[in-house]
Amino acid sequence: LLVHRKGAVAVPLGTMALIPGSMGTASYIVEGLGKEDAFGSCSHGAGRVMSRKEARAAIRPQALAQAMRRIVYPKHLERSLVEESPAAYRDITEVLDAQQDLVRRVQRLEPIAVLKG
């Protein structure tokens, strides 16, 4: 059996993994529950709700600045960072709620800085 995990990460029973949110939202350390019919897998992150092109068209730098107000990031890159805005991604808590049978949340991690470039 060959398991290809496109958009997923291996989390066999008792294994720890990092499931990232967006650059402006929480990420989680999770423990795998070893669900056999999911091949010991879970999503590998929040996942996009907008393509990069859609995000560049829809999200203004001012909206990014508001979403990132508590996080240090390179302000001179705001125009290019809008494609990675939290608004371009699914809510990580909803994503994890949908896979409670696959992983157990161990620790919530809050971003304090973003580096890009």
PDB file of N, CA and C in Angstrom:
ATOM      1  N   LEU A   1       0.845  -1.178   0.000  1.00  0.00           N
ATOM      2  CA  LEU A   1       0.000   0.000   0.000  1.00  0.00           C
ATOM      3  C   LEU A   1       0.886   1.234   0.000  1.00  0.00           C
ATOM      4  N   LEU A   2       0.647   2.142  -0.911  1.00  0.00           N
ATOM      5  CA  LEU A   2       1.364   3.408  -0.974  1.00  0.00           C
ATOM      6  C   LEU A   2       0.377   4.519  -0.639  1.00  0.00           C
ATOM      7  N   VAL A   3       0.684   5.309   0.378  1.00  0.00           N
ATOM      8  CA  VAL A   3      -0.183   6.425   0.771  1.00  0.00           C
ATOM      9  C   VAL A   3       0.478   7.713   0.339  1.00  0.00           C
ATOM     10  N   HIS A   4      -0.216   8.476  -0.512  1.00  0.00           N
ATOM     11  CA  HIS A   4       0.258   9.796  -0.944  1.00  0.00           C
ATOM     12  C   HIS A   4      -0.574  10.823  -0.203  1.00  0.00           C
ATOM     13  N   ARG A   5       0.059  11.668   0.563  1.00  0.00           N
ATOM     14  CA  ARG A   5      -0.658  12.617   1.400  1.00  0.00           C
ATOM     15  C   ARG A   5      -0.635  14.021   0.809  1.00  0.00           C
ATOM     16  N   LYS A   6      -1.353  14.252  -0.263  1.00  0.00           N
ATOM     17  CA  LYS A   6      -1.483  15.592  -0.842  1.00  0.00           C
ATOM     18  C   LYS A   6      -2.391  16.409   0.076  1.00  0.00           C
ATOM     19  N   GLY A   7      -1.838  17.451   0.683  1.00  0.00           N
ATOM     20  CA  GLY A   7      -2.628  18.287   1.578  1.00  0.00           C
ATOM     21  C   GLY A   7      -2.854  17.672   2.951  1.00  0.00           C
ATOM     22  N   ALA A   8      -2.065  16.656   3.283  1.00  0.00           N
ATOM     23  CA  ALA A   8      -2.234  15.991   4.574  1.00  0.00           C
ATOM     24  C   ALA A   8      -0.864  15.677   5.165  1.00  0.00           C
ATOM     25  N   VAL A   9      -0.877  15.347   6.438  1.00  0.00           N
ATOM     26  CA  VAL A   9       0.349  15.001   7.150  1.00  0.00           C
ATOM     27  C   VAL A   9       0.115  13.684   7.896  1.00  0.00           C
ATOM     28  N   ALA A  10       1.165  12.898   8.039  1.00  0.00           N
ATOM     29  CA  ALA A  10       1.069  11.642   8.778  1.00  0.00           C
ATOM     30  C   ALA A  10       1.037  11.921  10.275  1.00  0.00           C
ATOM     31  N   VAL A  11       0.052  11.374  10.954  1.00  0.00           N
ATOM     32  CA  VAL A  11      -0.054  11.471  12.417  1.00  0.00           C
ATOM     33  C   VAL A  11      -0.527  10.139  12.984  1.00  0.00           C
ATOM     34  N   PRO A  12       0.343   9.118  12.903  1.00  0.00           N
ATOM     35  CA  PRO A  12      -0.030   7.840  13.505  1.00  0.00           C
ATOM     36  C   PRO A  12      -0.298   8.021  14.999  1.00  0.00           C
ATOM     37  N   LEU A  13      -0.905   7.040  15.592  1.00  0.00           N
ATOM     38  CA  LEU A  13      -1.258   7.082  17.007  1.00  0.00           C
ATOM     39  C   LEU A  13      -0.081   7.536  17.866  1.00  0.00           C
ATOM     40  N   GLY A  14      -0.304   8.597  18.645  1.00  0.00           N
ATOM     41  CA  GLY A  14       0.702   9.110  19.569  1.00  0.00           C
ATOM     42  C   GLY A  14       1.753  10.013  18.966  1.00  0.00           C
ATOM     43  N   THR A  15       1.741  10.179  17.666  1.00  0.00           N
ATOM     44  CA  THR A  15       2.721  11.037  16.988  1.00  0.00           C
ATOM     45  C   THR A  15       2.295  12.499  17.072  1.00  0.00           C
ATOM     46  N   MET A  16       3.261  13.387  17.265  1.00  0.00           N
ATOM     47  CA  MET A  16       2.973  14.817  17.322  1.00  0.00           C
ATOM     48  C   MET A  16       3.213  15.439  15.940  1.00  0.00           C
ATOM     49  N   ALA A  17       2.444  16.477  15.632  1.00  0.00           N
ATOM     50  CA  ALA A  17       2.604  17.206  14.372  1.00  0.00           C
ATOM     51  C   ALA A  17       2.255  18.663  14.604  1.00  0.00           C
ATOM     52  N   LEU A  18       2.740  19.513  13.723  1.00  0.00           N
ATOM     53  CA  LEU A  18       2.402  20.936  13.747  1.00  0.00           C
ATOM     54  C   LEU A  18       1.427  21.200  12.614  1.00  0.00           C
ATOM     55  N   ILE A  19       0.282  21.776  12.952  1.00  0.00           N
ATOM     56  CA  ILE A  19      -0.730  22.126  11.962  1.00  0.00           C
ATOM     57  C   ILE A  19      -0.834  23.651  11.936  1.00  0.00           C
ATOM     58  N   PRO A  20      -0.305  24.285  10.884  1.00  0.00           N
ATOM     59  CA  PRO A  20      -0.282  25.748  10.843  1.00  0.00           C
ATOM     60  C   PRO A  20      -1.613  26.365  10.425  1.00  0.00           C
ATOM     61  N   GLY A  21      -1.872  27.540  11.001  1.00  0.00           N
ATOM     62  CA  GLY A  21      -2.970  28.377  10.545  1.00  0.00           C
ATOM     63  C   GLY A  21      -2.406  29.283   9.461  1.00  0.00           C
ATOM     64  N   SER A  22      -2.784  30.542   9.470  1.00  0.00           N
ATOM     65  CA  SER A  22      -2.202  31.513   8.548  1.00  0.00           C
ATOM     66  C   SER A  22      -1.115  32.287   9.289  1.00  0.00           C
ATOM     67  N   MET A  23      -0.486  33.237   8.596  1.00  0.00           N
ATOM     68  CA  MET A  23       0.577  34.006   9.247  1.00  0.00           C
ATOM     69  C   MET A  23       0.038  34.904  10.366  1.00  0.00           C
ATOM     70  N   GLY A  24      -1.265  35.089  10.413  1.00  0.00           N
ATOM     71  CA  GLY A  24      -1.836  35.947  11.439  1.00  0.00           C
ATOM     72  C   GLY A  24      -2.736  35.232  12.423  1.00  0.00           C
ATOM     73  N   THR A  25      -2.803  33.898  12.331  1.00  0.00           N
ATOM     74  CA  THR A  25      -3.669  33.152  13.236  1.00  0.00           C
ATOM     75  C   THR A  25      -2.875  32.028  13.912  1.00  0.00           C
ATOM     76  N   ALA A  26      -3.509  31.416  14.857  1.00  0.00           N
ATOM     77  CA  ALA A  26      -2.845  30.365  15.638  1.00  0.00           C
ATOM     78  C   ALA A  26      -2.473  29.157  14.794  1.00  0.00           C
ATOM     79  N   SER A  27      -1.480  28.434  15.265  1.00  0.00           N
ATOM     80  CA  SER A  27      -1.130  27.109  14.771  1.00  0.00           C
ATOM     81  C   SER A  27      -1.271  26.172  15.963  1.00  0.00           C
ATOM     82  N   TYR A  28      -1.295  24.877  15.701  1.00  0.00           N
ATOM     83  CA  TYR A  28      -1.490  23.923  16.777  1.00  0.00           C
ATOM     84  C   TYR A  28      -0.493  22.782  16.711  1.00  0.00           C
ATOM     85  N   ILE A  29      -0.034  22.358  17.874  1.00  0.00           N
ATOM     86  CA  ILE A  29       0.643  21.079  17.997  1.00  0.00           C
ATOM     87  C   ILE A  29      -0.461  20.089  18.307  1.00  0.00           C
ATOM     88  N   VAL A  30      -0.493  19.008  17.545  1.00  0.00           N
ATOM     89  CA  VAL A  30      -1.539  18.000  17.713  1.00  0.00           C
ATOM     90  C   VAL A  30      -0.906  16.625  17.923  1.00  0.00           C
ATOM     91  N   GLU A  31      -1.696  15.733  18.487  1.00  0.00           N
ATOM     92  CA  GLU A  31      -1.279  14.346  18.657  1.00  0.00           C
ATOM     93  C   GLU A  31      -2.197  13.465  17.820  1.00  0.00           C
ATOM     94  N   GLY A  32      -1.607  12.613  17.021  1.00  0.00           N
ATOM     95  CA  GLY A  32      -2.377  11.722  16.164  1.00  0.00           C
ATOM     96  C   GLY A  32      -3.142  10.680  16.953  1.00  0.00           C
ATOM     97  N   LEU A  33      -4.358  10.398  16.504  1.00  0.00           N
ATOM     98  CA  LEU A  33      -5.190   9.388  17.138  1.00  0.00           C
ATOM     99  C   LEU A  33      -5.157   8.065  16.375  1.00  0.00           C
ATOM    100  N   GLY A  34      -4.398   8.040  15.270  1.00  0.00           N
ATOM    101  CA  GLY A  34      -4.181   6.792  14.549  1.00  0.00           C
ATOM    102  C   GLY A  34      -5.397   6.236  13.834  1.00  0.00           C
ATOM    103  N   LYS A  35      -6.264   7.081  13.359  1.00  0.00           N
ATOM    104  CA  LYS A  35      -7.482   6.646  12.670  1.00  0.00           C
ATOM    105  C   LYS A  35      -7.115   5.843  11.422  1.00  0.00           C
ATOM    106  N   GLU A  36      -7.435   4.560  11.441  1.00  0.00           N
ATOM    107  CA  GLU A  36      -7.016   3.671  10.355  1.00  0.00           C
ATOM    108  C   GLU A  36      -7.633   4.023   9.015  1.00  0.00           C
ATOM    109  N   ASP A  37      -8.930   4.359   8.998  1.00  0.00           N
ATOM    110  CA  ASP A  37      -9.555   4.649   7.702  1.00  0.00           C
ATOM    111  C   ASP A  37      -9.118   5.992   7.118  1.00  0.00           C
ATOM    112  N   ALA A  38      -8.368   6.783   7.887  1.00  0.00           N
ATOM    113  CA  ALA A  38      -7.743   8.017   7.369  1.00  0.00           C
ATOM    114  C   ALA A  38      -6.254   7.785   7.131  1.00  0.00           C
ATOM    115  N   PHE A  39      -5.824   6.516   7.240  1.00  0.00           N
ATOM    116  CA  PHE A  39      -4.421   6.148   7.067  1.00  0.00           C
ATOM    117  C   PHE A  39      -3.490   6.927   7.990  1.00  0.00           C
ATOM    118  N   GLY A  40      -3.977   7.239   9.213  1.00  0.00           N
ATOM    119  CA  GLY A  40      -3.161   7.965  10.184  1.00  0.00           C
ATOM    120  C   GLY A  40      -2.778   9.349   9.699  1.00  0.00           C
ATOM    121  N   SER A  41      -3.704  10.020   9.021  1.00  0.00           N
ATOM    122  CA  SER A  41      -3.432  11.340   8.436  1.00  0.00           C
ATOM    123  C   SER A  41      -4.387  12.390   8.983  1.00  0.00           C
ATOM    124  N   CYS A  42      -3.997  13.650   8.795  1.00  0.00           N
ATOM    125  CA  CYS A  42      -4.890  14.779   9.042  1.00  0.00           C
ATOM    126  C   CYS A  42      -4.472  15.910   8.099  1.00  0.00           C
ATOM    127  N   SER A  43      -5.254  16.965   8.048  1.00  0.00           N
ATOM    128  CA  SER A  43      -4.917  18.092   7.173  1.00  0.00           C
ATOM    129  C   SER A  43      -3.581  18.684   7.591  1.00  0.00           C
ATOM    130  N   HIS A  44      -2.879  19.267   6.649  1.00  0.00           N
ATOM    131  CA  HIS A  44      -1.560  19.828   6.968  1.00  0.00           C
ATOM    132  C   HIS A  44      -1.608  21.332   7.209  1.00  0.00           C
ATOM    133  N   GLY A  45      -2.811  21.895   7.328  1.00  0.00           N
ATOM    134  CA  GLY A  45      -2.915  23.316   7.621  1.00  0.00           C
ATOM    135  C   GLY A  45      -4.327  23.819   7.395  1.00  0.00           C
ATOM    136  N   ALA A  46      -4.476  25.122   7.555  1.00  0.00           N
ATOM    137  CA  ALA A  46      -5.793  25.736   7.444  1.00  0.00           C
ATOM    138  C   ALA A  46      -6.372  25.605   6.045  1.00  0.00           C
ATOM    139  N   GLY A  47      -5.556  25.760   5.025  1.00  0.00           N
ATOM    140  CA  GLY A  47      -6.050  25.685   3.648  1.00  0.00           C
ATOM    141  C   GLY A  47      -6.601  27.016   3.172  1.00  0.00           C
ATOM    142  N   ARG A  48      -6.395  27.296   1.926  1.00  0.00           N
ATOM    143  CA  ARG A  48      -6.816  28.572   1.345  1.00  0.00           C
ATOM    144  C   ARG A  48      -8.307  28.584   1.014  1.00  0.00           C
ATOM    145  N   VAL A  49      -8.920  29.744   1.155  1.00  0.00           N
ATOM    146  CA  VAL A  49     -10.277  29.969   0.650  1.00  0.00           C
ATOM    147  C   VAL A  49     -10.242  30.899  -0.556  1.00  0.00           C
ATOM    148  N   MET A  50      -9.099  31.524  -0.782  1.00  0.00           N
ATOM    149  CA  MET A  50      -8.879  32.396  -1.946  1.00  0.00           C
ATOM    150  C   MET A  50      -7.552  32.026  -2.582  1.00  0.00           C
ATOM    151  N   SER A  51      -7.522  32.066  -3.896  1.00  0.00           N
ATOM    152  CA  SER A  51      -6.237  31.881  -4.569  1.00  0.00           C
ATOM    153  C   SER A  51      -5.376  33.115  -4.286  1.00  0.00           C
ATOM    154  N   ARG A  52      -4.103  33.025  -4.589  1.00  0.00           N
ATOM    155  CA  ARG A  52      -3.222  34.186  -4.395  1.00  0.00           C
ATOM    156  C   ARG A  52      -3.708  35.364  -5.232  1.00  0.00           C
ATOM    157  N   LYS A  53      -4.101  35.081  -6.462  1.00  0.00           N
ATOM    158  CA  LYS A  53      -4.599  36.139  -7.359  1.00  0.00           C
ATOM    159  C   LYS A  53      -5.872  36.776  -6.799  1.00  0.00           C
ATOM    160  N   GLU A  54      -6.803  35.947  -6.316  1.00  0.00           N
ATOM    161  CA  GLU A  54      -8.031  36.475  -5.720  1.00  0.00           C
ATOM    162  C   GLU A  54      -7.723  37.323  -4.491  1.00  0.00           C
ATOM    163  N   ALA A  55      -6.800  36.872  -3.666  1.00  0.00           N
ATOM    164  CA  ALA A  55      -6.431  37.618  -2.460  1.00  0.00           C
ATOM    165  C   ALA A  55      -5.821  38.969  -2.824  1.00  0.00           C
ATOM    166  N   ARG A  56      -4.945  38.998  -3.824  1.00  0.00           N
ATOM    167  CA  ARG A  56      -4.348  40.280  -4.242  1.00  0.00           C
ATOM    168  C   ARG A  56      -5.411  41.249  -4.736  1.00  0.00           C
ATOM    169  N   ALA A  57      -6.455  40.738  -5.393  1.00  0.00           N
ATOM    170  CA  ALA A  57      -7.522  41.592  -5.911  1.00  0.00           C
ATOM    171  C   ALA A  57      -8.491  42.041  -4.819  1.00  0.00           C
ATOM    172  N   ALA A  58      -8.721  41.187  -3.818  1.00  0.00           N
ATOM    173  CA  ALA A  58      -9.764  41.452  -2.827  1.00  0.00           C
ATOM    174  C   ALA A  58      -9.283  42.084  -1.525  1.00  0.00           C
ATOM    175  N   ILE A  59      -8.041  41.865  -1.154  1.00  0.00           N
ATOM    176  CA  ILE A  59      -7.563  42.301   0.167  1.00  0.00           C
ATOM    177  C   ILE A  59      -6.630  43.491   0.016  1.00  0.00           C
ATOM    178  N   ARG A  60      -6.959  44.554   0.674  1.00  0.00           N
ATOM    179  CA  ARG A  60      -6.149  45.772   0.637  1.00  0.00           C
ATOM    180  C   ARG A  60      -5.092  45.739   1.743  1.00  0.00           C
ATOM    181  N   PRO A  61      -3.969  46.417   1.534  1.00  0.00           N
ATOM    182  CA  PRO A  61      -2.931  46.468   2.566  1.00  0.00           C
ATOM    183  C   PRO A  61      -3.448  46.950   3.925  1.00  0.00           C
ATOM    184  N   GLN A  62      -4.429  47.855   3.934  1.00  0.00           N
ATOM    185  CA  GLN A  62      -4.981  48.347   5.199  1.00  0.00           C
ATOM    186  C   GLN A  62      -5.691  47.223   5.963  1.00  0.00           C
ATOM    187  N   ALA A  63      -6.366  46.331   5.236  1.00  0.00           N
ATOM    188  CA  ALA A  63      -7.042  45.204   5.880  1.00  0.00           C
ATOM    189  C   ALA A  63      -6.014  44.230   6.446  1.00  0.00           C
ATOM    190  N   LEU A  64      -4.937  44.036   5.715  1.00  0.00           N
ATOM    191  CA  LEU A  64      -3.855  43.184   6.216  1.00  0.00           C
ATOM    192  C   LEU A  64      -3.269  43.787   7.493  1.00  0.00           C
ATOM    193  N   ALA A  65      -3.020  45.094   7.478  1.00  0.00           N
ATOM    194  CA  ALA A  65      -2.457  45.765   8.653  1.00  0.00           C
ATOM    195  C   ALA A  65      -3.365  45.588   9.865  1.00  0.00           C
ATOM    196  N   GLN A  66      -4.666  45.665   9.662  1.00  0.00           N
ATOM    197  CA  GLN A  66      -5.617  45.480  10.773  1.00  0.00           C
ATOM    198  C   GLN A  66      -5.564  44.039  11.291  1.00  0.00           C
ATOM    199  N   ALA A  67      -5.526  43.072  10.383  1.00  0.00           N
ATOM    200  CA  ALA A  67      -5.493  41.660  10.783  1.00  0.00           C
ATOM    201  C   ALA A  67      -4.188  41.302  11.501  1.00  0.00           C
ATOM    202  N   MET A  68      -3.116  42.006  11.167  1.00  0.00           N
ATOM    203  CA  MET A  68      -1.794  41.701  11.712  1.00  0.00           C
ATOM    204  C   MET A  68      -1.366  42.664  12.813  1.00  0.00           C
ATOM    205  N   ARG A  69      -2.280  43.416  13.372  1.00  0.00           N
ATOM    206  CA  ARG A  69      -1.946  44.505  14.290  1.00  0.00           C
ATOM    207  C   ARG A  69      -1.118  44.092  15.499  1.00  0.00           C
ATOM    208  N   ARG A  70      -1.219  42.836  15.930  1.00  0.00           N
ATOM    209  CA  ARG A  70      -0.449  42.385  17.105  1.00  0.00           C
ATOM    210  C   ARG A  70       0.794  41.598  16.723  1.00  0.00           C
ATOM    211  N   ILE A  71       1.081  41.527  15.429  1.00  0.00           N
ATOM    212  CA  ILE A  71       2.175  40.688  14.942  1.00  0.00           C
ATOM    213  C   ILE A  71       3.188  41.555  14.200  1.00  0.00           C
ATOM    214  N   VAL A  72       4.451  41.342  14.476  1.00  0.00           N
ATOM    215  CA  VAL A  72       5.518  42.069  13.794  1.00  0.00           C
ATOM    216  C   VAL A  72       5.717  41.448  12.413  1.00  0.00           C
ATOM    217  N   TYR A  73       5.737  42.275  11.392  1.00  0.00           N
ATOM    218  CA  TYR A  73       5.972  41.805  10.027  1.00  0.00           C
ATOM    219  C   TYR A  73       6.601  42.938   9.225  1.00  0.00           C
ATOM    220  N   PRO A  74       7.230  42.641   8.104  1.00  0.00           N
ATOM    221  CA  PRO A  74       7.881  43.691   7.311  1.00  0.00           C
ATOM    222  C   PRO A  74       6.849  44.569   6.593  1.00  0.00           C
ATOM    223  N   LYS A  75       6.590  45.734   7.151  1.00  0.00           N
ATOM    224  CA  LYS A  75       5.553  46.633   6.624  1.00  0.00           C
ATOM    225  C   LYS A  75       5.809  47.026   5.165  1.00  0.00           C
ATOM    226  N   HIS A  76       7.070  47.105   4.786  1.00  0.00           N
ATOM    227  CA  HIS A  76       7.377  47.494   3.405  1.00  0.00           C
ATOM    228  C   HIS A  76       6.972  46.415   2.392  1.00  0.00           C
ATOM    229  N   LEU A  77       6.578  45.243   2.873  1.00  0.00           N
ATOM    230  CA  LEU A  77       6.141  44.159   1.988  1.00  0.00           C
ATOM    231  C   LEU A  77       4.628  43.955   2.012  1.00  0.00           C
ATOM    232  N   GLU A  78       3.882  44.900   2.590  1.00  0.00           N
ATOM    233  CA  GLU A  78       2.431  44.728   2.731  1.00  0.00           C
ATOM    234  C   GLU A  78       1.744  44.367   1.419  1.00  0.00           C
ATOM    235  N   ARG A  79       2.110  45.035   0.345  1.00  0.00           N
ATOM    236  CA  ARG A  79       1.451  44.754  -0.944  1.00  0.00           C
ATOM    237  C   ARG A  79       1.623  43.305  -1.373  1.00  0.00           C
ATOM    238  N   SER A  80       2.796  42.744  -1.149  1.00  0.00           N
ATOM    239  CA  SER A  80       3.011  41.347  -1.538  1.00  0.00           C
ATOM    240  C   SER A  80       2.476  40.374  -0.489  1.00  0.00           C
ATOM    241  N   LEU A  81       2.352  40.812   0.744  1.00  0.00           N
ATOM    242  CA  LEU A  81       1.873  39.926   1.811  1.00  0.00           C
ATOM    243  C   LEU A  81       0.356  39.750   1.821  1.00  0.00           C
ATOM    244  N   VAL A  82      -0.392  40.589   1.105  1.00  0.00           N
ATOM    245  CA  VAL A  82      -1.852  40.441   1.123  1.00  0.00           C
ATOM    246  C   VAL A  82      -2.288  39.060   0.639  1.00  0.00           C
ATOM    247  N   GLU A  83      -1.503  38.438  -0.234  1.00  0.00           N
ATOM    248  CA  GLU A  83      -1.875  37.102  -0.716  1.00  0.00           C
ATOM    249  C   GLU A  83      -1.769  36.042   0.378  1.00  0.00           C
ATOM    250  N   GLU A  84      -1.078  36.361   1.474  1.00  0.00           N
ATOM    251  CA  GLU A  84      -0.955  35.449   2.610  1.00  0.00           C
ATOM    252  C   GLU A  84      -1.785  35.926   3.808  1.00  0.00           C
ATOM    253  N   SER A  85      -2.648  36.891   3.588  1.00  0.00           N
ATOM    254  CA  SER A  85      -3.478  37.446   4.651  1.00  0.00           C
ATOM    255  C   SER A  85      -4.322  36.361   5.326  1.00  0.00           C
ATOM    256  N   PRO A  86      -4.586  36.502   6.624  1.00  0.00           N
ATOM    257  CA  PRO A  86      -5.458  35.546   7.304  1.00  0.00           C
ATOM    258  C   PRO A  86      -6.811  35.376   6.599  1.00  0.00           C
ATOM    259  N   ALA A  87      -7.307  36.420   5.952  1.00  0.00           N
ATOM    260  CA  ALA A  87      -8.591  36.335   5.255  1.00  0.00           C
ATOM    261  C   ALA A  87      -8.555  35.393   4.053  1.00  0.00           C
ATOM    262  N   ALA A  88      -7.379  35.064   3.572  1.00  0.00           N
ATOM    263  CA  ALA A  88      -7.237  34.155   2.425  1.00  0.00           C
ATOM    264  C   ALA A  88      -7.261  32.689   2.847  1.00  0.00           C
ATOM    265  N   TYR A  89      -7.349  32.430   4.158  1.00  0.00           N
ATOM    266  CA  TYR A  89      -7.278  31.066   4.680  1.00  0.00           C
ATOM    267  C   TYR A  89      -8.518  30.697   5.481  1.00  0.00           C
ATOM    268  N   ARG A  90      -8.782  29.409   5.581  1.00  0.00           N
ATOM    269  CA  ARG A  90      -9.863  28.902   6.428  1.00  0.00           C
ATOM    270  C   ARG A  90      -9.526  29.163   7.897  1.00  0.00           C
ATOM    271  N   ASP A  91     -10.547  29.147   8.714  1.00  0.00           N
ATOM    272  CA  ASP A  91     -10.372  29.273  10.162  1.00  0.00           C
ATOM    273  C   ASP A  91      -9.780  27.969  10.686  1.00  0.00           C
ATOM    274  N   ILE A  92      -8.596  28.029  11.261  1.00  0.00           N
ATOM    275  CA  ILE A  92      -7.895  26.821  11.710  1.00  0.00           C
ATOM    276  C   ILE A  92      -8.672  26.072  12.789  1.00  0.00           C
ATOM    277  N   THR A  93      -9.413  26.778  13.634  1.00  0.00           N
ATOM    278  CA  THR A  93     -10.186  26.067  14.670  1.00  0.00           C
ATOM    279  C   THR A  93     -11.312  25.251  14.037  1.00  0.00           C
ATOM    280  N   GLU A  94     -11.940  25.774  12.993  1.00  0.00           N
ATOM    281  CA  GLU A  94     -12.980  25.016  12.290  1.00  0.00           C
ATOM    282  C   GLU A  94     -12.383  23.795  11.594  1.00  0.00           C
ATOM    283  N   VAL A  95     -11.197  23.959  11.017  1.00  0.00           N
ATOM    284  CA  VAL A  95     -10.522  22.847  10.359  1.00  0.00           C
ATOM    285  C   VAL A  95     -10.233  21.741  11.373  1.00  0.00           C
ATOM    286  N   LEU A  96      -9.732  22.118  12.540  1.00  0.00           N
ATOM    287  CA  LEU A  96      -9.430  21.114  13.567  1.00  0.00           C
ATOM    288  C   LEU A  96     -10.695  20.527  14.187  1.00  0.00           C
ATOM    289  N   ASP A  97     -11.745  21.338  14.320  1.00  0.00           N
ATOM    290  CA  ASP A  97     -13.015  20.808  14.826  1.00  0.00           C
ATOM    291  C   ASP A  97     -13.533  19.696  13.917  1.00  0.00           C
ATOM    292  N   ALA A  98     -13.308  19.843  12.609  1.00  0.00           N
ATOM    293  CA  ALA A  98     -13.796  18.864  11.639  1.00  0.00           C
ATOM    294  C   ALA A  98     -12.997  17.558  11.658  1.00  0.00           C
ATOM    295  N   GLN A  99     -11.866  17.539  12.348  1.00  0.00           N
ATOM    296  CA  GLN A  99     -11.061  16.313  12.386  1.00  0.00           C
ATOM    297  C   GLN A  99     -10.719  15.886  13.809  1.00  0.00           C
ATOM    298  N   GLN A 100     -11.670  16.075  14.704  1.00  0.00           N
ATOM    299  CA  GLN A 100     -11.485  15.670  16.097  1.00  0.00           C
ATOM    300  C   GLN A 100     -11.263  14.174  16.247  1.00  0.00           C
ATOM    301  N   ASP A 101     -11.709  13.394  15.277  1.00  0.00           N
ATOM    302  CA  ASP A 101     -11.491  11.952  15.338  1.00  0.00           C
ATOM    303  C   ASP A 101     -10.112  11.555  14.812  1.00  0.00           C
ATOM    304  N   LEU A 102      -9.361  12.528  14.272  1.00  0.00           N
ATOM    305  CA  LEU A 102      -8.039  12.250  13.711  1.00  0.00           C
ATOM    306  C   LEU A 102      -6.901  12.704  14.616  1.00  0.00           C
ATOM    307  N   VAL A 103      -7.100  13.850  15.293  1.00  0.00           N
ATOM    308  CA  VAL A 103      -6.043  14.413  16.133  1.00  0.00           C
ATOM    309  C   VAL A 103      -6.630  15.025  17.402  1.00  0.00           C
ATOM    310  N   ARG A 104      -5.763  15.125  18.411  1.00  0.00           N
ATOM    311  CA  ARG A 104      -6.102  15.813  19.662  1.00  0.00           C
ATOM    312  C   ARG A 104      -5.216  17.040  19.766  1.00  0.00           C
ATOM    313  N   ARG A 105      -5.814  18.190  20.030  1.00  0.00           N
ATOM    314  CA  ARG A 105      -5.026  19.418  20.205  1.00  0.00           C
ATOM    315  C   ARG A 105      -4.212  19.317  21.492  1.00  0.00           C
ATOM    316  N   VAL A 106      -2.933  19.624  21.384  1.00  0.00           N
ATOM    317  CA  VAL A 106      -2.041  19.575  22.537  1.00  0.00           C
ATOM    318  C   VAL A 106      -1.690  20.990  22.978  1.00  0.00           C
ATOM    319  N   GLN A 107      -1.342  21.857  22.020  1.00  0.00           N
ATOM    320  CA  GLN A 107      -0.898  23.216  22.358  1.00  0.00           C
ATOM    321  C   GLN A 107      -1.267  24.180  21.243  1.00  0.00           C
ATOM    322  N   ARG A 108      -1.806  25.322  21.635  1.00  0.00           N
ATOM    323  CA  ARG A 108      -2.099  26.408  20.696  1.00  0.00           C
ATOM    324  C   ARG A 108      -0.886  27.329  20.669  1.00  0.00           C
ATOM    325  N   LEU A 109      -0.443  27.708  19.476  1.00  0.00           N
ATOM    326  CA  LEU A 109       0.708  28.596  19.299  1.00  0.00           C
ATOM    327  C   LEU A 109       0.254  29.876  18.609  1.00  0.00           C
ATOM    328  N   GLU A 110       0.556  31.009  19.200  1.00  0.00           N
ATOM    329  CA  GLU A 110       0.177  32.299  18.626  1.00  0.00           C
ATOM    330  C   GLU A 110       1.388  32.939  17.926  1.00  0.00           C
ATOM    331  N   PRO A 111       1.208  33.448  16.732  1.00  0.00           N
ATOM    332  CA  PRO A 111       2.343  34.090  16.037  1.00  0.00           C
ATOM    333  C   PRO A 111       2.701  35.425  16.688  1.00  0.00           C
ATOM    334  N   ILE A 112       3.985  35.731  16.712  1.00  0.00           N
ATOM    335  CA  ILE A 112       4.436  37.024  17.216  1.00  0.00           C
ATOM    336  C   ILE A 112       5.197  37.804  16.146  1.00  0.00           C
ATOM    337  N   ALA A 113       5.716  37.099  15.121  1.00  0.00           N
ATOM    338  CA  ALA A 113       6.438  37.765  14.054  1.00  0.00           C
ATOM    339  C   ALA A 113       6.373  36.934  12.785  1.00  0.00           C
ATOM    340  N   VAL A 114       6.441  37.629  11.656  1.00  0.00           N
ATOM    341  CA  VAL A 114       6.448  36.989  10.342  1.00  0.00           C
ATOM    342  C   VAL A 114       7.676  37.473   9.599  1.00  0.00           C
ATOM    343  N   LEU A 115       8.419  36.540   9.031  1.00  0.00           N
ATOM    344  CA  LEU A 115       9.578  36.874   8.213  1.00  0.00           C
ATOM    345  C   LEU A 115       9.313  36.426   6.794  1.00  0.00           C
ATOM    346  N   LYS A 116       9.627  37.262   5.827  1.00  0.00           N
ATOM    347  CA  LYS A 116       9.443  36.895   4.430  1.00  0.00           C
ATOM    348  C   LYS A 116      10.498  37.641   3.629  1.00  0.00           C
ATOM    349  N   GLY A 117      10.986  36.973   2.617  1.00  0.00           N
ATOM    350  CA  GLY A 117      11.901  37.682   1.739  1.00  0.00           C
ATOM    351  C   GLY A 117      13.213  37.006   1.512  1.00  0.00           C
TER     352      GLY A 117
END
